[in-house]
Protein backbone atom coordinates (compact mmCIF):
# COMPACT_ATOMS: atom_id res chain seq x y z
CA MET A 1 7.37 9.93 15.24
CA ARG A 2 10.44 11.31 17.04
CA ILE A 3 11.76 9.34 19.99
CA ARG A 4 13.21 11.39 22.84
CA ARG A 5 14.76 9.13 25.39
CA SER A 6 11.70 6.99 25.75
CA ALA A 7 10.91 3.43 24.91
CA ILE A 8 8.41 2.78 22.09
CA ALA A 9 6.63 -0.27 23.48
CA GLY A 10 3.03 -0.33 22.42
CA VAL A 11 3.16 2.83 20.33
CA ALA A 12 1.94 2.68 16.74
CA LEU A 13 4.20 4.36 14.24
CA ALA A 14 1.70 4.14 11.41
CA ALA A 15 -1.93 5.10 11.63
CA VAL A 16 -2.97 2.18 9.44
CA ALA A 17 -6.42 2.51 8.05
CA SER A 18 -8.92 0.11 9.56
CA LEU A 19 -8.89 -3.33 8.01
CA THR A 20 -12.64 -4.10 8.52
CA LEU A 21 -13.22 -7.78 8.09
CA ALA A 22 -16.49 -9.43 7.58
CA ALA A 23 -16.78 -13.03 8.53
CA CYS A 24 -19.49 -15.11 6.73
CA GLY A 25 -20.64 -18.64 7.16
CA GLY A 26 -20.18 -21.04 10.09
CA GLY A 27 -17.67 -21.04 12.93
CA ASP A 28 -17.21 -18.63 15.81
CA ASP A 29 -16.78 -14.89 15.81
CA GLY A 30 -12.93 -14.86 15.58
CA ASP A 31 -12.21 -14.27 19.28
CA GLY A 32 -8.82 -15.94 19.05
CA GLY A 33 -9.89 -19.42 20.07
CA SER A 34 -8.92 -21.17 23.31
CA ALA A 35 -5.38 -20.85 24.60
CA GLY A 36 -3.42 -24.02 24.62
CA SER A 37 -5.29 -25.89 21.90
CA ASP A 38 -3.33 -28.93 20.80
CA SER A 39 -4.88 -29.09 17.33
CA VAL A 40 -2.50 -28.58 14.35
CA ILE A 41 -3.64 -26.00 11.84
CA THR A 42 -3.07 -26.69 8.16
CA ALA A 43 -2.59 -23.63 5.93
CA TYR A 44 -2.18 -23.03 2.17
CA GLY A 45 1.44 -22.49 1.16
CA THR A 46 3.95 -22.74 -1.68
CA GLU A 47 7.34 -24.31 -1.71
CA PRO A 48 9.95 -21.80 -0.60
CA GLN A 49 12.29 -20.58 -3.28
CA LYS A 50 15.48 -20.91 -1.18
CA PRO A 51 16.67 -22.43 2.06
CA LEU A 52 15.06 -20.81 5.08
CA ILE A 53 17.73 -18.09 5.74
CA THR A 54 16.33 -14.74 6.97
CA THR A 55 18.86 -12.65 5.09
CA ASP A 56 18.22 -14.45 1.78
CA THR A 57 14.41 -14.98 1.68
CA ASN A 58 12.24 -12.33 0.10
CA GLU A 59 9.22 -14.22 -1.14
CA VAL A 60 6.00 -15.29 0.53
CA GLY A 61 6.28 -19.03 0.44
CA GLY A 62 9.48 -18.98 2.59
CA GLY A 63 8.61 -15.69 4.38
CA ASN A 64 5.43 -17.03 5.96
CA ILE A 65 7.45 -19.83 7.56
CA ILE A 66 10.34 -17.59 8.70
CA ASP A 67 8.07 -15.05 10.33
CA LEU A 68 6.71 -17.80 12.64
CA LEU A 69 10.17 -19.16 13.43
CA TYR A 70 11.68 -15.88 14.46
CA ALA A 71 11.05 -12.87 16.65
CA GLY A 72 12.50 -9.50 15.75
CA LEU A 73 13.26 -6.38 17.81
CA VAL A 74 9.65 -5.35 17.32
CA SER A 75 6.51 -7.00 15.95
CA TYR A 76 3.22 -5.79 14.48
CA ASP A 77 -0.28 -6.54 15.61
CA ALA A 78 -3.09 -7.37 13.19
CA GLU A 79 -3.75 -3.64 12.60
CA GLY A 80 -0.15 -2.85 11.88
CA LYS A 81 0.65 -1.24 15.23
CA MET A 82 4.27 -1.75 16.33
CA GLN A 83 5.12 -3.35 19.65
CA ASN A 84 8.51 -4.09 21.20
CA GLU A 85 9.36 -7.76 21.15
CA VAL A 86 12.98 -8.80 21.65
CA ALA A 87 13.75 -5.09 22.28
CA GLU A 88 13.20 -3.67 25.76
CA SER A 89 13.58 -0.18 24.43
CA ILE A 90 14.62 1.64 21.28
CA GLU A 91 15.69 5.26 21.89
CA SER A 92 17.27 8.24 20.07
CA GLU A 93 17.83 11.92 20.69
CA ASP A 94 18.45 12.74 17.06
CA ASP A 95 16.79 10.01 14.98
CA LYS A 96 20.30 9.08 13.70
CA VAL A 97 21.98 7.33 16.59
CA TRP A 98 19.83 4.71 18.26
CA THR A 99 20.36 2.77 21.37
CA ILE A 100 18.52 -0.61 21.49
CA LYS A 101 18.26 -2.59 24.77
CA LEU A 102 17.37 -6.24 24.66
CA LYS A 103 15.18 -8.38 26.86
CA ASP A 104 16.40 -11.74 28.17
CA TRP A 105 15.67 -14.09 25.26
CA ASN A 106 16.94 -17.48 23.94
CA PHE A 107 17.13 -19.22 20.65
CA THR A 108 15.48 -22.70 20.48
CA ASP A 109 18.83 -24.31 20.88
CA GLY A 110 19.15 -22.73 24.34
CA THR A 111 21.73 -20.14 23.43
CA PRO A 112 21.00 -16.48 24.37
CA VAL A 113 19.88 -13.87 21.82
CA THR A 114 22.52 -11.13 22.24
CA ALA A 115 23.30 -7.79 20.61
CA GLU A 116 25.92 -9.71 18.56
CA SER A 117 23.13 -12.08 17.31
CA PHE A 118 21.66 -9.07 15.41
CA VAL A 119 24.84 -7.30 14.47
CA LYS A 120 26.37 -10.40 13.01
CA ALA A 121 23.22 -11.27 10.94
CA TRP A 122 23.07 -7.65 9.63
CA THR A 123 26.71 -7.67 8.75
CA TYR A 124 26.36 -11.03 7.00
CA ALA A 125 23.42 -9.59 4.94
CA ALA A 126 25.51 -6.53 4.02
CA ASP A 127 28.65 -8.35 2.97
CA PRO A 128 28.62 -8.43 -0.86
CA ALA A 129 30.55 -11.69 -0.81
CA ASN A 130 27.44 -13.33 0.57
CA ALA A 131 25.06 -12.06 -2.17
CA GLN A 132 22.07 -11.98 0.09
CA LEU A 133 18.66 -10.92 -1.37
CA GLN A 134 17.91 -8.90 1.75
CA ALA A 135 21.12 -6.86 1.59
CA TYR A 136 19.23 -3.81 0.45
CA PHE A 137 17.56 -3.42 3.78
CA MET A 138 20.95 -2.64 5.36
CA TYR A 139 21.24 0.65 3.38
CA PRO A 140 20.27 2.96 6.24
CA PHE A 141 23.31 1.88 8.31
CA ALA A 142 26.46 4.02 8.22
CA GLY A 143 29.13 2.15 6.33
CA THR A 144 27.03 0.77 3.49
CA THR A 145 26.46 1.71 -0.13
CA GLU A 146 23.10 2.70 -1.58
CA GLU A 147 22.65 -1.00 -2.38
CA GLY A 148 22.93 -1.91 1.31
CA THR A 149 26.35 -3.66 0.93
CA LEU A 150 29.44 -2.83 2.95
CA VAL A 151 31.57 -0.08 1.47
CA GLU A 152 34.59 -1.38 -0.35
CA GLY A 153 37.21 -2.81 1.94
CA ALA A 154 35.08 -2.94 5.12
CA LYS A 155 34.82 -6.12 7.00
CA THR A 156 32.34 -4.93 9.66
CA LEU A 157 29.15 -2.90 9.57
CA GLU A 158 30.20 0.49 10.86
CA GLY A 159 26.61 1.50 11.73
CA ALA A 160 25.82 -1.42 14.02
CA LYS A 161 27.86 -2.16 17.15
CA ALA A 162 27.32 -4.56 19.99
CA VAL A 163 28.11 -2.34 23.04
CA ASP A 164 27.46 -5.22 25.37
CA GLU A 165 25.47 -8.44 25.39
CA LYS A 166 22.20 -6.50 25.77
CA THR A 167 22.90 -3.28 23.95
CA ILE A 168 23.12 -2.38 20.27
CA GLU A 169 24.13 1.03 19.06
CA VAL A 170 22.87 1.79 15.54
CA THR A 171 24.25 4.81 13.60
CA LEU A 172 22.36 5.68 10.41
CA LYS A 173 23.71 7.61 7.45
CA GLU A 174 20.95 10.18 7.94
CA ALA A 175 18.37 10.94 10.61
CA GLU A 176 15.38 8.60 10.01
CA PRO A 177 12.39 9.13 12.35
CA GLU A 178 10.66 5.97 11.34
CA PHE A 179 13.72 3.67 11.62
CA PRO A 180 12.16 1.44 14.47
CA LEU A 181 9.21 0.78 12.28
CA ARG A 182 11.14 -1.43 9.87
CA LEU A 183 12.74 -3.57 12.63
CA GLY A 184 10.01 -6.20 12.70
CA TYR A 185 10.81 -7.31 9.16
CA SER A 186 12.64 -10.49 8.57
CA ALA A 187 15.77 -8.91 7.09
CA TYR A 188 16.51 -7.68 10.71
CA TYR A 189 15.95 -10.92 12.58
CA PRO A 190 18.83 -12.27 14.68
CA LEU A 191 20.79 -15.38 13.82
CA PRO A 192 22.37 -17.88 16.32
CA GLU A 193 26.06 -18.85 16.26
CA ALA A 194 24.87 -22.28 15.03
CA ALA A 195 23.87 -20.61 11.72
CA PHE A 196 27.51 -20.04 10.76
CA GLY A 197 30.06 -22.51 9.52
CA SER A 198 33.82 -22.41 9.95
CA ASP A 199 34.16 -20.19 6.92
CA GLY A 200 31.74 -17.58 8.39
CA LYS A 201 28.93 -18.40 5.97
CA VAL A 202 25.42 -19.43 6.94
CA THR A 203 25.36 -23.13 6.11
CA LYS A 204 22.94 -24.88 3.78
CA GLU A 205 22.14 -27.28 6.60
CA PHE A 206 20.97 -24.42 8.77
CA GLY A 207 18.68 -23.23 6.03
CA GLU A 208 17.11 -26.65 5.85
CA GLN A 209 16.60 -26.76 9.64
CA PRO A 210 16.82 -23.23 11.02
CA ILE A 211 17.12 -22.42 14.69
CA GLY A 212 14.92 -19.36 15.51
CA ASN A 213 13.66 -17.48 18.53
CA GLY A 214 10.01 -17.05 17.64
CA PRO A 215 6.68 -18.65 18.48
CA TYR A 216 7.33 -21.84 16.50
CA THR A 217 10.13 -24.27 15.63
CA LEU A 218 10.42 -26.16 12.43
CA GLU A 219 9.75 -29.90 13.04
CA SER A 220 10.20 -30.97 9.42
CA TRP A 221 10.31 -29.75 5.76
CA GLU A 222 9.35 -32.22 3.11
CA HIS A 223 10.19 -30.36 -0.10
CA GLU A 224 7.32 -29.83 -2.56
CA VAL A 225 4.91 -31.29 0.07
CA GLU A 226 4.74 -29.46 3.38
CA ALA A 227 6.55 -27.76 6.29
CA LYS A 228 5.50 -28.69 9.86
CA LEU A 229 5.86 -26.09 12.56
CA VAL A 230 5.31 -26.82 16.30
CA PRO A 231 5.00 -24.27 19.18
CA ASN A 232 8.17 -23.08 20.91
CA ASP A 233 7.31 -23.68 24.57
CA GLU A 234 9.88 -21.14 25.70
CA TYR A 235 8.49 -18.31 23.70
CA LYS A 236 7.09 -15.47 25.78
CA GLY A 237 6.52 -12.78 23.12
CA ASN A 238 3.60 -10.96 21.52
CA ARG A 239 2.44 -13.91 19.32
CA GLU A 240 1.75 -16.75 21.72
CA PRO A 241 0.39 -19.72 19.73
CA LYS A 242 -3.23 -20.68 20.23
CA ASN A 243 -2.80 -24.03 18.44
CA GLY A 244 -0.66 -27.13 18.47
CA GLY A 245 1.24 -26.18 15.39
CA VAL A 246 0.95 -24.95 11.88
CA THR A 247 1.55 -27.09 8.82
CA PHE A 248 2.01 -25.26 5.47
CA LYS A 249 0.78 -27.58 2.73
CA PHE A 250 2.41 -26.75 -0.60
CA TYR A 251 -0.02 -26.63 -3.54
CA THR A 252 0.57 -26.14 -7.23
CA ASP A 253 -3.14 -25.74 -7.96
CA PRO A 254 -5.20 -23.31 -5.92
CA GLU A 255 -8.44 -25.06 -7.07
CA SER A 256 -7.28 -28.26 -5.33
CA ALA A 257 -6.50 -26.22 -2.21
CA TYR A 258 -9.93 -24.71 -2.23
CA SER A 259 -11.55 -28.12 -2.63
CA ASP A 260 -9.52 -29.42 0.35
CA LEU A 261 -10.77 -26.42 2.38
CA GLN A 262 -14.39 -27.21 1.52
CA GLY A 263 -13.86 -30.81 2.47
CA GLY A 264 -12.15 -29.95 5.78
CA ASN A 265 -8.76 -31.13 4.64
CA LEU A 266 -7.27 -27.71 4.78
CA ASP A 267 -7.97 -25.16 7.53
CA VAL A 268 -7.11 -21.75 6.20
CA MET A 269 -6.45 -20.17 2.81
CA GLU A 270 -5.38 -16.52 2.48
CA ALA A 271 -6.88 -16.02 -1.02
CA VAL A 272 -9.59 -18.13 -2.71
CA PRO A 273 -9.33 -18.76 -6.49
CA PRO A 274 -11.33 -16.63 -8.96
CA SER A 275 -13.75 -19.53 -9.55
CA ALA A 276 -14.95 -19.20 -6.02
CA LEU A 277 -15.19 -15.42 -5.64
CA SER A 278 -18.74 -15.19 -6.68
CA SER A 279 -19.93 -17.89 -4.31
CA PHE A 280 -17.46 -18.29 -1.34
CA GLU A 281 -19.30 -15.77 0.81
CA SER A 282 -22.56 -17.87 0.62
CA ASP A 283 -20.73 -21.27 0.81
CA ASP A 284 -21.99 -23.01 3.93
CA SER A 285 -19.04 -25.43 3.91
CA ILE A 286 -16.54 -22.69 4.68
CA GLN A 287 -16.07 -19.43 6.53
CA ALA A 288 -15.40 -16.37 4.30
CA PHE A 289 -13.36 -13.34 5.19
CA THR A 290 -13.38 -10.13 3.27
CA GLY A 291 -11.96 -6.60 3.80
CA ASN A 292 -9.49 -3.96 2.66
CA GLY A 293 -6.07 -5.25 1.63
CA ALA A 294 -2.71 -3.77 0.90
CA ASN A 295 -1.16 -6.27 -1.55
CA PHE A 296 0.01 -4.71 -4.82
CA ALA A 297 0.07 -6.43 -8.30
CA SER A 298 2.11 -5.38 -11.34
CA ILE A 299 3.93 -6.45 -14.47
CA THR A 300 7.68 -6.11 -14.81
CA ILE A 301 9.47 -5.91 -18.16
CA PRO A 302 13.28 -5.70 -17.63
CA GLU A 303 15.11 -3.03 -19.60
CA ARG A 304 17.73 -5.53 -20.52
CA LEU A 305 15.32 -7.18 -22.99
CA GLU A 306 15.36 -6.13 -26.57
CA HIS A 307 12.89 -3.36 -27.38
CA TRP A 308 12.36 -2.40 -23.76
CA SER A 309 15.11 0.03 -22.90
CA GLY A 310 15.38 3.84 -23.39
CA GLU A 311 12.60 5.91 -24.94
CA GLU A 312 11.40 2.95 -26.94
CA GLY A 313 10.89 0.91 -23.73
CA LYS A 314 9.07 3.80 -22.01
CA LEU A 315 6.68 4.11 -24.93
CA ARG A 316 5.97 0.32 -25.04
CA ARG A 317 5.38 0.10 -21.30
CA ALA A 318 2.96 3.03 -21.53
CA ALA A 319 1.22 1.35 -24.40
CA ILE A 320 0.87 -1.89 -22.54
CA SER A 321 -0.48 -0.07 -19.50
CA LYS A 322 -3.09 1.81 -21.42
CA ALA A 323 -4.14 -1.30 -23.32
CA ILE A 324 -5.23 -3.00 -20.06
CA ASN A 325 -8.80 -2.48 -18.90
CA ARG A 326 -8.25 -2.86 -15.14
CA GLU A 327 -11.87 -2.15 -14.28
CA GLU A 328 -13.10 -4.96 -16.50
CA ILE A 329 -10.65 -7.52 -15.18
CA THR A 330 -11.14 -6.67 -11.52
CA GLU A 331 -14.94 -6.93 -11.88
CA LYS A 332 -15.16 -9.92 -14.30
CA ILE A 333 -12.44 -12.03 -12.99
CA PHE A 334 -11.99 -10.95 -9.42
CA GLU A 335 -15.65 -10.06 -8.60
CA GLY A 336 -14.46 -6.67 -7.27
CA SER A 337 -12.03 -8.23 -4.84
CA ARG A 338 -9.24 -6.27 -6.52
CA VAL A 339 -9.15 -2.44 -6.84
CA PRO A 340 -7.60 -0.88 -9.92
CA ALA A 341 -4.29 0.78 -9.01
CA GLU A 342 -4.02 4.51 -8.82
CA ASP A 343 -0.34 4.60 -7.84
CA PHE A 344 2.54 2.27 -6.98
CA ALA A 345 1.47 1.70 -3.29
CA THR A 346 -1.76 1.46 -1.36
CA SER A 347 -4.40 3.85 -0.04
CA LEU A 348 -4.32 2.22 3.39
CA PHE A 349 -1.17 3.90 4.73
CA PRO A 350 -0.47 7.50 5.74
CA GLY A 351 0.78 9.74 3.02
CA TYR A 352 -1.24 8.23 0.29
CA THR A 353 -2.44 10.51 -2.56
CA LYS A 354 -4.08 9.60 -5.83
CA ASP A 355 -3.27 12.97 -7.36
CA ILE A 356 0.18 12.16 -8.73
CA PRO A 357 1.01 13.65 -12.11
CA GLY A 358 1.39 10.97 -14.79
CA ASN A 359 -0.92 8.39 -13.24
CA GLU A 360 -3.21 8.82 -16.23
CA VAL A 361 -1.06 6.15 -17.82
CA LEU A 362 -3.08 3.70 -15.85
CA ASP A 363 -6.31 4.77 -17.56
CA PHE A 364 -7.68 2.44 -20.21
CA ASP A 365 -7.42 3.98 -23.70
CA ALA A 366 -7.03 1.55 -26.61
CA ALA A 367 -6.60 4.20 -29.29
CA GLU A 368 -3.85 6.00 -27.26
CA ALA A 369 -2.20 2.65 -26.52
CA LYS A 370 -1.95 1.79 -30.21
CA LYS A 371 -0.58 5.26 -30.94
CA LEU A 372 2.12 4.89 -28.33
CA TRP A 373 3.02 1.42 -29.71
CA ALA A 374 3.36 2.82 -33.19
CA GLU A 375 5.66 5.58 -31.88
CA ALA A 376 7.86 2.91 -30.33
CA ASP A 377 7.82 0.91 -33.67
CA ALA A 378 9.12 4.01 -35.34
CA ILE A 379 12.18 3.86 -33.21
CA SER A 380 12.69 0.11 -33.70
CA LYS A 381 10.12 -2.38 -35.13
CA PHE A 382 8.84 -4.96 -32.66
CA ASP A 383 8.83 -8.53 -33.95
CA GLY A 384 7.49 -11.66 -32.35
CA ALA A 385 4.99 -11.91 -29.48
CA PHE A 386 4.57 -10.08 -26.18
CA THR A 387 4.77 -12.93 -23.62
CA LEU A 388 3.77 -12.55 -19.93
CA ALA A 389 5.01 -15.18 -17.45
CA TYR A 390 3.26 -16.26 -14.31
CA ASN A 391 3.21 -19.03 -11.70
CA GLY A 392 0.29 -21.34 -11.84
CA ASP A 393 0.20 -22.07 -8.14
CA GLY A 394 -0.90 -18.57 -7.25
CA PRO A 395 -4.75 -18.10 -6.90
CA GLY A 396 -6.09 -16.19 -10.01
CA ASN A 397 -2.78 -15.83 -11.87
CA LYS A 398 -3.81 -17.90 -14.81
CA GLU A 399 -7.15 -16.16 -15.29
CA TRP A 400 -5.89 -12.51 -15.04
CA VAL A 401 -2.78 -13.09 -17.14
CA GLU A 402 -4.88 -14.66 -19.89
CA ALA A 403 -7.20 -11.71 -19.76
CA VAL A 404 -4.35 -9.19 -19.90
CA VAL A 405 -2.62 -10.77 -22.84
CA ASN A 406 -5.93 -10.99 -24.70
CA GLN A 407 -6.56 -7.27 -24.10
CA VAL A 408 -2.96 -6.29 -25.04
CA GLY A 409 -3.09 -8.43 -28.22
CA THR A 410 -6.44 -7.10 -29.31
CA ASN A 411 -5.85 -3.45 -28.47
CA LEU A 412 -2.30 -3.21 -29.88
CA GLY A 413 -2.85 -5.45 -32.83
CA ILE A 414 0.12 -7.71 -31.88
CA GLU A 415 0.53 -11.30 -30.84
CA ALA A 416 0.44 -11.66 -27.11
CA LYS A 417 0.49 -14.85 -25.09
CA PRO A 418 0.79 -16.19 -21.56
CA LYS A 419 3.76 -18.34 -20.31
CA ALA A 420 2.97 -20.61 -17.34
CA TYR A 421 5.45 -21.91 -14.79
CA ALA A 422 4.16 -24.59 -12.44
CA THR A 423 5.37 -23.02 -9.16
CA PHE A 424 6.32 -19.70 -7.70
CA LYS A 425 9.68 -21.11 -6.79
CA GLU A 426 10.36 -22.05 -10.50
CA LEU A 427 9.43 -18.52 -11.70
CA ARG A 428 11.36 -16.72 -8.96
CA GLU A 429 14.49 -18.64 -9.69
CA LEU A 430 14.47 -17.47 -13.26
CA VAL A 431 13.73 -13.90 -12.16
CA THR A 432 16.33 -13.89 -9.37
CA ASN A 433 19.07 -15.32 -11.68
CA ARG A 434 18.18 -12.84 -14.45
CA GLU A 435 17.47 -15.77 -16.73
CA ILE A 436 13.85 -14.87 -17.67
CA LYS A 437 13.45 -13.55 -21.23
CA THR A 438 9.89 -12.22 -21.02
CA ALA A 439 7.67 -9.88 -19.06
CA PHE A 440 6.48 -11.46 -15.81
CA ARG A 441 3.95 -10.96 -13.03
CA THR A 442 5.15 -9.28 -9.91
CA GLY A 443 3.46 -8.54 -6.58
CA TRP A 444 4.24 -6.94 -3.27
CA GLN A 445 3.12 -7.73 0.24
CA ALA A 446 4.35 -4.97 2.54
CA ASP A 447 7.17 -5.80 4.92
CA TYR A 448 6.21 -3.07 7.36
CA PRO A 449 3.30 -0.62 7.27
CA SER A 450 4.74 2.30 5.21
CA ILE A 451 4.27 3.63 1.66
CA TYR A 452 8.16 3.90 1.50
CA ASN A 453 8.28 0.07 1.66
CA TYR A 454 6.35 -0.13 -1.73
CA LEU A 455 8.97 2.02 -3.39
CA GLY A 456 12.55 1.64 -1.95
CA PRO A 457 12.87 -2.15 -1.97
CA LEU A 458 11.36 -2.37 -5.49
CA TYR A 459 12.81 0.60 -7.37
CA GLY A 460 15.90 1.71 -5.46
CA THR A 461 19.14 1.04 -7.29
CA GLY A 462 20.36 -2.54 -6.38
CA ALA A 463 17.45 -3.29 -4.10
CA GLY A 464 16.86 -6.99 -3.55
CA SER A 465 13.32 -6.94 -4.93
CA ASN A 466 14.20 -4.66 -7.88
CA ASP A 467 13.48 -7.49 -10.31
CA GLY A 468 13.86 -5.25 -13.43
CA ASP A 469 17.19 -3.73 -12.31
CA TYR A 470 15.74 -0.27 -12.60
CA SER A 471 18.09 2.58 -11.68
CA ASN A 472 17.43 6.30 -11.58
CA PRO A 473 19.68 8.64 -9.44
CA GLU A 474 16.84 11.15 -8.94
CA VAL A 475 14.62 8.34 -7.52
CA ASP A 476 17.48 7.22 -5.20
CA LYS A 477 18.02 10.78 -4.02
CA LEU A 478 14.31 11.33 -3.28
CA LEU A 479 13.99 7.98 -1.50
CA GLY A 480 16.90 9.06 0.78
CA GLU A 481 15.28 12.39 1.45
CA ALA A 482 12.00 10.76 2.26
CA LEU A 483 13.68 8.56 4.92
CA SER A 484 15.05 11.61 6.70
CA SER A 485 11.57 13.31 6.57
CA LYS A 486 8.21 12.65 8.21
CA GLY A 487 4.62 13.57 7.86
CA ASP A 488 3.59 15.79 4.97
CA GLU A 489 7.18 16.38 3.82
CA GLN A 490 7.85 12.61 3.55
CA ALA A 491 4.54 12.11 1.62
CA LYS A 492 5.65 14.94 -0.77
CA LYS A 493 8.98 13.23 -1.40
CA LEU A 494 7.39 9.87 -1.98
CA ALA A 495 4.81 11.39 -4.42
CA GLN A 496 7.76 12.91 -6.30
CA VAL A 497 9.24 9.46 -6.54
CA GLN A 498 6.11 8.13 -7.98
CA GLU A 499 5.88 10.88 -10.49
CA ILE A 500 9.15 9.73 -11.98
CA LEU A 501 8.05 6.13 -11.78
CA PHE A 502 4.94 6.93 -13.85
CA LYS A 503 7.21 8.20 -16.60
CA ASP A 504 9.68 5.35 -16.53
CA LEU A 505 7.30 2.47 -15.60
CA PRO A 506 9.87 0.12 -14.15
CA ALA A 507 6.74 -1.89 -13.29
CA ILE A 508 3.16 -1.50 -14.60
CA PRO A 509 0.70 -1.16 -11.76
CA LEU A 510 -2.38 -3.25 -12.08
CA TRP A 511 -4.48 -3.42 -8.82
CA ASN A 512 -4.47 -3.77 -5.06
CA GLN A 513 -5.83 -6.99 -3.68
CA SER A 514 -8.64 -6.87 -1.16
CA ILE A 515 -8.90 -9.72 1.43
CA ALA A 516 -10.89 -12.65 0.13
CA GLY A 517 -9.73 -15.52 2.30
CA ALA A 518 -11.41 -18.45 3.86
CA ALA A 519 -11.27 -21.00 6.69
CA ALA A 520 -12.79 -24.43 6.97
CA ASP A 521 -15.94 -24.92 9.02
CA GLY A 522 -15.10 -25.40 12.70
CA VAL A 523 -11.89 -23.30 12.60
CA ASN A 524 -11.71 -20.54 15.20
CA GLY A 525 -9.79 -17.40 15.77
CA VAL A 526 -9.16 -16.49 12.10
CA VAL A 527 -7.98 -12.84 11.82
CA PHE A 528 -6.53 -11.31 8.68
CA SER A 529 -3.77 -8.82 9.27
CA TRP A 530 -2.83 -5.49 7.69
CA GLN A 531 -0.73 -7.54 5.26
CA GLY A 532 -3.79 -9.38 4.12
CA LYS A 533 -2.79 -12.77 5.48
CA PRO A 534 -4.00 -14.84 8.43
CA GLU A 535 -2.53 -14.37 11.87
CA TYR A 536 -1.53 -18.03 11.92
CA HIS A 537 -0.73 -18.10 15.66
CA LEU A 538 -4.27 -17.15 16.56
CA VAL A 539 -6.01 -19.89 14.54
CA SER A 540 -7.40 -22.85 16.47
CA LYS A 541 -9.88 -25.61 16.18
């Protein structure tokens, strides 16, 4: 959508497909509950990988908390429609230079949210000396590299200037019609002056007790146990809390979480474990929620590992992909709550097409898989076992990983085995530090409603979520061209990106996750968003 001297409040930039939700079991009809409820809601969570710093958190355990502590320039409703939040207006005449006006807004320490609060946070993310995981999201700004870091020698972010306390001027490298759509993601949240130490770095202490500007504040964080959030009484944005707080309880065993839900000791769970999928919709002790979802699951095998680079690596990844019977796993383990992948994204967002050349590599074909593996062995003989790592605290991970390695081992005639890590934090630390020595499960929950978001942050050179360190100049070029395009032309560019990805397989697509969540009996106002997770601020009891 092109903005011509007009504010964008209340205008959807993505025609997100309807996320039709069916609520089963007891409880009310999900009308949002009663305003002002003082009941604290307990929700399933996992221990955050890192301190709660917006520019350095790119995983769900920490991200769910940060999203409730902060308000961005825009926010998204449950259907993915964009609404201005801290921004009063976002305007451009050419889609390249944007003027952003701010509303009157404060952080929870009483200091004002200013243009500099955003510019300083974005500059901090882009400074390579800070090694922030969210740096890649700064790449649209003038004065950054393709990896999103400041160009060599720069101390400030050329493309972001605080004109005055309430005005930001953003200059992009290229015209980008959908630029405002991304501004509700956590990488673009503001940071208060209190975040920064005397050396200009965000302090560890701030990450343990962040000061935000969103609907909640962090009351306490007991590591490996829980994080308690309480409503921010000064918040006047789009996500006004309907409860007396949200406590994320950190589980290492999803089965225990589901038992707590059934017993009324947990209020809401975004994904039930596979053992409950065949029965949770008829379970009178809980409320079940089902519907279309946009979460994407895959397997990543870094090229740095022996036998997984060059032509040999491409052949082996294709062999692994064709050795996996996605239909069987999604039906037998997930009871149809997963949909076999047809591409690297989701069918729910505009621009989707399943007719991408090369996607036949996702089709199960044991004979062809074995042939491809033999071709790779002709280049260099594979010794040892194919090992697939996963985190045990994620619902269903143990079951599907065991099924995948059984299929791979049987269909390729090799030894294949799972490798379990107790927590998502433990697995992500190994992945982030490039210390993992095996294949590992990966997944993606969209940051904002766009197919581009499934591609650029995961497969762009140097992107913060590019766990396999994949790099292809043609992919980078097409991603850049897609950003400066819109409509059918953008969809064409993104399809061309995926055509290359199907040849290189930097990740092996598995399936998209439908919504299969639950709430305890007596819990009200449960709505699952376009991201496939509860709108926690609406839940009450």
